[in-house]
Amino acid sequence: MCAVILPCTLLAKKSSALTQTAGTEQSTINQTFKHLLSENQVVAIGDIHGSSAPTELLINVLSDSDIFESIDVIVTEFGNSHYQTELDDFLLNPNTTVSLQDLEPLWQDSIYFMAWQYEHYRHFVQTLKLLNASSNHTVRIVLAEPEFSWEGLTREQWRALTKTRIASYEHTVKQVAENNDKAILLFGAMHTLKQPVTLKRGEAFAEFVPFITNLNELNIATIWTHFSTSTIPDISPQTLVLLNEKSDLDTPFSHLSARFSGDDNQKLSDVADAYYYPGPLDRHAPAPSHITQDSQWHDEMKRRAAIVDERVSSQIAKQLAEWLAETN
């Protein structure tokens, strides 16, 4: 009997210890996040297309009632603002008839729709709906992308949208700030940098100006998310740390990626306030099955491939080939 019970007892103790450790780590993350919120009106989380880590961070901190009840708005890069009314209805109306799948055009009709194909964005929206339903406080998602339609869209119009979207991001965040709302931003990590950076484009280097740098009058803290398959030996996964408290993370920005020039001597603390380490990331998040198996959507993606630029067109071809291989 003891030979059977002992392993089970050890397993239970190990499971309990892991749960307590995970709880402690999340509690520490929440405290750091609360500090950022207490010192700033806006906290920006650097999103990573193809990884669920940033949305998981957001879901976990919002599960803390103190944090949830302090937030008014989450401004997102994802989502065509044409669907703002439907999204509000889904999130805020207990009697809504809008389903999560009804919101699919929100992502599919966006400018860079390939970036938002993943399951975790749907899961995030669904989870926020549940959090709203279980609280006397509600949090909106505000879509920062300009409203437009893919119907009849030309290549020139699409290219123009890729530029005017930045002005729309700035305008939306400024409006939120003017309303004195406490906000979280979820934008691609490159958009959240606090200074211009020099990026390698082919064989040349060119300055990239994140839209956050044009909001200097606002009180914004930014979180840089680890997006490498490498590990950080001195830090356990699921850690959010202020960069001024972890000097060994405050490396030259060029060390993070070969995309950045090393000539300007920028450090990570020059462009971000905190570092989130979820562990090594592979950036292979899954897409919902209703997308991977939707032949009508696949035909629409092929149609759009002739409108978008070469980079997005190649992404479309690669994605469709992968989905076809999975089906076969």
Foldseek 3Di string as FASTA:
>chain_A
DCVVVVVVVVVVVVVVVVVVVVVVLLVQLLVVVVVLLVQFLEEEEADDQLDLVRLVNVLSNCVPVVVVQQAAEEEEQQFAQVCQVVLCCQQPPPPHPRDLVNCVCRLLFALLSLSVQFPSVSVSSVSLSVSNVVDPGHYGYGYQQYHDGPVVDALVNSVVSVPCSLVSNLVVVVVCVVVSGRYYYYYHNVLQFQAWFWFDDPPDIDIDGRSNVVPVVHGYAYEAEQAAQDFDVVDDASHKAFCVVPVVQFAQPCVSDVGTDNPPRHTPVNTHGMYHGRHGDDSNGHGDPCCLPPVVSLVVLCVCLVRYDPVSVVSSVVSNVVSVVVVD
